[in-house]
Amino acid sequence: MKNNWFWGVLCIIILSWMGNIIYFEVHQLEEPVVLDAYIDIPTSKNADFSLFYLTNSSEVVELETLIAGGYTYSNEQNFFPWFGDITAQMYRQQFTHQLLKQASFTIDEQSFEHFAESVQGNDLYARFTNGQVVTFELEKLNFKTPLTEQSFLTSKVSFGSNQGIQGEIFEVTETIQMDALVLPESIKDQVDLKVQIWSDTSSDRLDSNKIMEQNWKDIDAPLYNDINWPLKLEKGDSVGLIFQVKYRSYIDIVHNWSGITESGKAFTYSFPLLIEPNLSNQDIVDIVQKARGEHK
């Protein structure tokens, strides 16, 4: 009887041990995953941009170099993979089995052309400190010439909050009429936009801190789709573009917004929109399953 009890407990221990191993393994990435990105930024001499990637939290693995068209670019983020201490890793988000990390790169002016060709041809590879080389694609990575034309909007403040609300408030220096702001299709799915106007004679105090403290639904401003475009703004007014971002991938763009003055002078104003990934546990499950070929 005692022997049966002993072997029964031993079987339970072994099955539990094997179950833990299987559970652990099915949540592991076989190789790091570079997240998709939409990058469209102006540059003249050097272009700085980031890539985000996932690694297993049980090992020390860092993105060491980016290989594009046969050229190699080093990750400029500080890391110390030779220590091998999994608790000493730098990361942006920590999950049960994975870490979200960031790598930063600089492309010089001489490299722009062949680098752009590599991106368009999906000739991109990431080399990691464990020796793995992973091929990946980006939705867009483009470097464009900065605008130099005169604008009649001046930036007063940029802001962001941990609720996913970020925005830019501009002051109007001449009476203008702004065209509808058209974001790229893939970005539209990741943001909602409200447009708020403060009149020069309004008693309301322009307060970006107040905006950040509010829930998205409580911000008293019309949604982009509810505005009658073009939008007329008087000299001295302020206008805020307030985004609710959804963090599913990495977006770094400088977007153009066109308008015309009362005297008929056309102009374009450029403003940045930066959305860094902030993934949920379900996002991680989906990414791991897709990488392992198990996604339904």
Protein backbone atom coordinates (compact mmCIF):
# COMPACT_ATOMS: atom_id res chain seq x y z
CA MET A 1 0.00 0.00 0.00
CA LYS A 2 2.84 2.33 0.95
CA ASN A 3 4.60 1.53 -2.32
CA ASN A 4 1.49 2.41 -4.33
CA TRP A 5 1.23 5.71 -2.45
CA PHE A 6 4.89 6.47 -3.11
CA TRP A 7 4.67 5.71 -6.83
CA GLY A 8 1.42 7.68 -7.14
CA VAL A 9 3.01 10.80 -5.61
CA LEU A 10 6.10 10.33 -7.80
CA CYS A 11 3.94 10.11 -10.94
CA ILE A 12 2.10 13.29 -9.97
CA ILE A 13 5.41 15.10 -9.44
CA ILE A 14 6.77 13.91 -12.78
CA LEU A 15 3.59 14.83 -14.65
CA SER A 16 3.53 18.23 -12.97
CA TRP A 17 7.19 18.78 -13.86
CA MET A 18 6.61 17.76 -17.48
CA GLY A 19 3.50 19.97 -17.64
CA ASN A 20 5.49 22.97 -16.43
CA ILE A 21 8.17 22.32 -19.04
CA ILE A 22 5.60 22.05 -21.83
CA TYR A 23 3.78 25.17 -20.62
CA PHE A 24 7.08 27.09 -20.52
CA GLU A 25 8.16 25.92 -23.97
CA VAL A 26 4.92 26.83 -25.75
CA HIS A 27 5.28 30.40 -24.46
CA GLN A 28 8.85 30.81 -25.73
CA LEU A 29 9.96 32.48 -28.94
CA GLU A 30 12.27 30.37 -31.07
CA GLU A 31 13.93 33.60 -32.23
CA PRO A 32 13.46 37.29 -31.37
CA VAL A 33 10.69 39.19 -33.16
CA VAL A 34 11.17 42.69 -34.61
CA LEU A 35 7.88 44.61 -34.42
CA ASP A 36 6.40 46.32 -37.45
CA ALA A 37 7.02 50.04 -37.82
CA TYR A 38 5.83 53.01 -39.88
CA ILE A 39 8.61 55.61 -39.98
CA ASP A 40 8.42 58.67 -42.24
CA ILE A 41 10.68 61.45 -40.98
CA PRO A 42 12.50 64.48 -42.46
CA THR A 43 16.26 64.56 -42.37
CA SER A 44 19.11 66.45 -43.94
CA LYS A 45 22.39 64.82 -42.87
CA ASN A 46 21.68 62.05 -40.38
CA ALA A 47 18.51 60.10 -39.61
CA ASP A 48 17.90 58.68 -36.15
CA PHE A 49 15.23 56.01 -35.70
CA SER A 50 14.32 53.11 -33.45
CA LEU A 51 13.14 49.54 -33.78
CA PHE A 52 11.31 47.59 -31.09
CA TYR A 53 11.67 43.85 -30.58
CA LEU A 54 10.65 40.97 -28.31
CA THR A 55 12.97 38.47 -26.65
CA ASN A 56 12.39 35.69 -24.12
CA SER A 57 12.82 37.01 -20.58
CA SER A 58 14.59 33.80 -19.54
CA GLU A 59 17.72 34.65 -21.53
CA VAL A 60 19.90 37.66 -22.28
CA VAL A 61 19.51 38.50 -25.97
CA GLU A 62 19.99 41.97 -27.48
CA LEU A 63 19.68 43.31 -31.01
CA GLU A 64 23.30 43.92 -31.89
CA THR A 65 23.30 45.14 -35.51
CA LEU A 66 20.92 45.97 -38.34
CA ILE A 67 21.97 44.64 -41.75
CA ALA A 68 20.51 46.42 -44.79
CA GLY A 69 21.68 45.78 -48.33
CA GLY A 70 24.93 44.31 -47.08
CA TYR A 71 25.72 47.30 -44.84
CA THR A 72 25.81 46.96 -41.06
CA TYR A 73 24.54 49.49 -38.52
CA SER A 74 25.18 49.09 -34.79
CA ASN A 75 22.54 49.37 -32.11
CA GLU A 76 23.34 52.53 -30.15
CA GLN A 77 21.36 51.53 -27.06
CA ASN A 78 23.57 50.53 -24.14
CA PHE A 79 23.48 46.87 -23.18
CA PHE A 80 25.83 44.40 -21.49
CA PRO A 81 25.02 40.92 -22.83
CA TRP A 82 28.29 39.40 -21.69
CA PHE A 83 27.21 39.64 -18.03
CA GLY A 84 24.52 37.01 -18.65
CA ASP A 85 22.40 38.28 -15.76
CA ILE A 86 18.75 38.16 -16.86
CA THR A 87 17.76 40.58 -14.08
CA ALA A 88 20.13 43.28 -15.39
CA GLN A 89 18.53 43.68 -18.81
CA MET A 90 17.12 46.99 -20.00
CA TYR A 91 13.59 46.78 -21.40
CA ARG A 92 10.54 48.92 -22.16
CA GLN A 93 7.92 46.41 -20.97
CA GLN A 94 8.12 43.16 -19.05
CA PHE A 95 5.74 40.25 -19.50
CA THR A 96 5.62 36.78 -17.97
CA HIS A 97 7.78 35.21 -20.67
CA GLN A 98 8.97 38.08 -22.90
CA LEU A 99 10.63 41.49 -22.76
CA LEU A 100 9.93 44.40 -25.11
CA LYS A 101 13.19 46.18 -25.95
CA GLN A 102 14.30 49.11 -28.08
CA ALA A 103 17.21 49.47 -30.48
CA SER A 104 18.38 52.82 -31.92
CA PHE A 105 20.24 53.51 -35.16
CA THR A 106 21.72 56.42 -37.09
CA ILE A 107 21.86 56.47 -40.90
CA ASP A 108 24.17 59.02 -42.48
CA GLU A 109 23.42 60.95 -45.66
CA GLN A 110 25.65 58.74 -47.82
CA SER A 111 23.70 55.66 -46.80
CA PHE A 112 20.19 56.99 -47.50
CA GLU A 113 19.86 55.71 -51.06
CA HIS A 114 21.02 52.11 -50.66
CA PHE A 115 19.29 51.90 -47.29
CA ALA A 116 15.96 52.97 -48.84
CA GLU A 117 16.40 50.35 -51.57
CA SER A 118 16.99 47.69 -48.92
CA VAL A 119 13.81 48.66 -47.09
CA GLN A 120 11.73 48.60 -50.28
CA GLY A 121 13.18 45.23 -51.23
CA ASN A 122 12.66 43.78 -47.75
CA ASP A 123 16.40 43.14 -47.59
CA LEU A 124 16.56 43.72 -43.84
CA TYR A 125 18.15 41.52 -41.18
CA ALA A 126 18.65 41.86 -37.44
CA ARG A 127 21.67 40.16 -35.86
CA PHE A 128 21.35 39.33 -32.17
CA THR A 129 23.96 38.74 -29.50
CA ASN A 130 23.15 35.02 -29.35
CA GLY A 131 24.23 34.64 -32.98
CA GLN A 132 20.73 34.48 -34.50
CA VAL A 133 20.05 36.50 -37.65
CA VAL A 134 16.37 37.29 -38.21
CA THR A 135 14.87 38.65 -41.42
CA PHE A 136 12.00 41.13 -41.04
CA GLU A 137 9.88 43.65 -42.92
CA LEU A 138 8.79 47.19 -42.09
CA GLU A 139 5.59 48.76 -43.34
CA LYS A 140 7.49 51.95 -44.14
CA LEU A 141 10.85 53.53 -43.44
CA ASN A 142 11.34 56.75 -45.35
CA PHE A 143 13.61 59.77 -45.02
CA LYS A 144 12.38 62.96 -46.68
CA THR A 145 13.63 66.51 -47.17
CA PRO A 146 12.46 68.90 -44.42
CA LEU A 147 9.95 71.61 -45.37
CA THR A 148 11.28 75.16 -45.34
CA GLU A 149 8.24 77.18 -46.43
CA GLN A 150 6.63 79.80 -44.20
CA SER A 151 3.94 78.62 -41.81
CA PHE A 152 1.21 80.50 -39.97
CA LEU A 153 0.96 78.03 -37.08
CA THR A 154 3.43 77.99 -34.21
CA SER A 155 3.70 75.14 -31.72
CA LYS A 156 2.89 76.17 -28.15
CA VAL A 157 3.09 72.84 -26.36
CA SER A 158 3.34 69.10 -26.94
CA PHE A 159 2.03 66.67 -24.35
CA GLY A 160 1.38 63.03 -23.64
CA SER A 161 -0.04 60.88 -20.86
CA ASN A 162 0.02 57.25 -19.71
CA GLN A 163 -3.64 57.02 -20.76
CA GLY A 164 -2.57 57.02 -24.40
CA ILE A 165 -3.51 60.67 -24.92
CA GLN A 166 -1.00 62.85 -26.71
CA GLY A 167 -1.28 66.06 -28.64
CA GLU A 168 0.04 69.30 -29.96
CA ILE A 169 -1.36 72.80 -29.47
CA PHE A 170 -0.67 75.52 -32.03
CA GLU A 171 -1.16 79.27 -32.05
CA VAL A 172 -2.55 80.90 -35.20
CA THR A 173 -0.53 83.95 -36.33
CA GLU A 174 -2.79 84.90 -39.27
CA THR A 175 -6.41 84.15 -40.15
CA ILE A 176 -6.23 80.83 -42.00
CA GLN A 177 -8.29 77.98 -43.37
CA MET A 178 -6.93 74.47 -42.77
CA ASP A 179 -7.63 71.51 -45.04
CA ALA A 180 -8.74 68.15 -43.68
CA LEU A 181 -5.83 66.38 -42.02
CA VAL A 182 -5.32 63.09 -43.86
CA LEU A 183 -3.33 60.41 -42.03
CA PRO A 184 -1.99 57.30 -43.79
CA GLU A 185 -4.56 54.49 -43.86
CA SER A 186 -2.61 52.15 -41.59
CA ILE A 187 -2.18 54.89 -38.98
CA LYS A 188 -5.89 55.76 -38.98
CA ASP A 189 -6.59 52.38 -37.42
CA GLN A 190 -4.27 53.14 -34.52
CA VAL A 191 -5.47 56.61 -33.50
CA ASP A 192 -8.60 58.58 -32.78
CA LEU A 193 -8.38 62.34 -33.18
CA LYS A 194 -10.19 65.25 -31.58
CA VAL A 195 -9.71 68.88 -32.64
CA GLN A 196 -10.17 71.58 -30.02
CA ILE A 197 -10.19 75.33 -30.69
CA TRP A 198 -9.59 78.08 -28.15
CA SER A 199 -10.77 81.47 -29.39
CA ASP A 200 -8.61 84.52 -28.80
CA THR A 201 -11.55 86.00 -26.85
CA SER A 202 -12.49 82.78 -25.03
CA SER A 203 -12.60 82.77 -21.24
CA ASP A 204 -11.45 79.12 -21.22
CA ARG A 205 -7.84 78.75 -20.16
CA LEU A 206 -5.71 76.66 -22.49
CA ASP A 207 -4.38 73.97 -20.17
CA SER A 208 -2.68 70.87 -21.55
CA ASN A 209 -2.36 69.39 -18.04
CA LYS A 210 -6.14 69.48 -17.73
CA ILE A 211 -6.47 67.60 -21.03
CA MET A 212 -4.04 64.90 -19.88
CA GLU A 213 -5.91 64.38 -16.62
CA GLN A 214 -9.17 63.63 -18.42
CA ASN A 215 -10.45 60.38 -19.82
CA TRP A 216 -10.69 60.38 -23.60
CA LYS A 217 -14.50 60.40 -23.59
CA ASP A 218 -14.55 63.43 -21.25
CA ILE A 219 -12.45 65.70 -23.48
CA ASP A 220 -14.95 68.28 -24.71
CA ALA A 221 -13.88 68.51 -28.34
CA PRO A 222 -15.38 67.14 -31.57
CA LEU A 223 -13.97 64.09 -33.29
CA TYR A 224 -12.12 64.65 -36.53
CA ASN A 225 -14.96 63.11 -38.57
CA ASP A 226 -17.54 65.44 -36.99
CA ILE A 227 -15.81 68.64 -38.13
CA ASN A 228 -16.90 70.57 -41.21
CA TRP A 229 -13.69 70.90 -43.19
CA PRO A 230 -11.96 73.14 -44.15
CA LEU A 231 -11.48 74.58 -40.68
CA LYS A 232 -11.36 78.37 -40.32
CA LEU A 233 -9.15 79.79 -37.58
CA GLU A 234 -8.82 83.44 -36.64
CA LYS A 235 -5.56 85.22 -35.85
CA GLY A 236 -4.78 84.69 -32.16
CA ASP A 237 -6.78 81.47 -31.87
CA SER A 238 -5.20 78.26 -30.65
CA VAL A 239 -5.97 74.81 -32.02
CA GLY A 240 -5.18 71.47 -30.43
CA LEU A 241 -4.80 68.12 -32.19
CA ILE A 242 -5.48 65.54 -29.49
CA PHE A 243 -4.78 61.90 -30.30
CA GLN A 244 -5.91 58.76 -28.52
CA VAL A 245 -3.29 56.22 -29.55
CA LYS A 246 -3.63 52.43 -29.45
CA TYR A 247 0.01 51.35 -29.31
CA ARG A 248 -0.17 48.26 -31.54
CA SER A 249 3.02 49.02 -33.46
CA TYR A 250 5.71 51.69 -33.70
CA ILE A 251 4.87 54.90 -35.55
CA ASP A 252 7.26 57.82 -35.97
CA ILE A 253 6.16 60.37 -38.56
CA VAL A 254 6.32 64.08 -39.25
CA HIS A 255 3.00 64.79 -40.94
CA ASN A 256 2.08 67.68 -43.23
CA TRP A 257 -1.05 69.77 -42.65
CA SER A 258 -1.98 72.15 -45.48
CA GLY A 259 -3.84 75.44 -45.34
CA ILE A 260 -4.33 78.84 -46.93
CA THR A 261 -4.25 82.35 -45.51
CA GLU A 262 -6.98 84.98 -45.86
CA SER A 263 -4.85 86.63 -48.54
CA GLY A 264 -4.66 83.39 -50.53
CA LYS A 265 -1.16 82.21 -49.62
CA ALA A 266 -0.93 78.42 -49.46
CA PHE A 267 1.30 76.84 -46.82
CA THR A 268 2.05 73.55 -45.10
CA TYR A 269 2.77 72.93 -41.45
CA SER A 270 4.65 69.81 -40.30
CA PHE A 271 4.09 68.24 -36.89
CA PRO A 272 5.39 65.03 -35.29
CA LEU A 273 3.34 62.00 -34.29
CA LEU A 274 5.20 59.42 -32.22
CA ILE A 275 3.48 56.22 -31.05
CA GLU A 276 5.66 53.76 -29.20
CA PRO A 277 4.31 50.23 -28.69
CA ASN A 278 2.72 49.46 -25.34
CA LEU A 279 1.53 45.89 -25.70
CA SER A 280 -1.09 43.94 -23.76
CA ASN A 281 -0.70 40.36 -22.56
CA GLN A 282 -3.03 39.25 -25.36
CA ASP A 283 -0.84 41.07 -27.91
CA ILE A 284 2.12 39.04 -26.66
CA VAL A 285 0.19 35.77 -26.93
CA ASP A 286 -0.80 36.63 -30.51
CA ILE A 287 2.76 37.57 -31.49
CA VAL A 288 4.26 34.41 -29.99
CA GLN A 289 1.64 32.16 -31.60
CA LYS A 290 2.14 33.79 -34.99
CA ALA A 291 5.94 33.50 -34.71
CA ARG A 292 5.60 29.79 -33.81
CA GLY A 293 3.14 29.18 -36.66
CA GLU A 294 0.32 28.44 -34.23
CA HIS A 295 -1.85 31.52 -34.82
CA LYS A 296 -5.42 30.69 -35.81
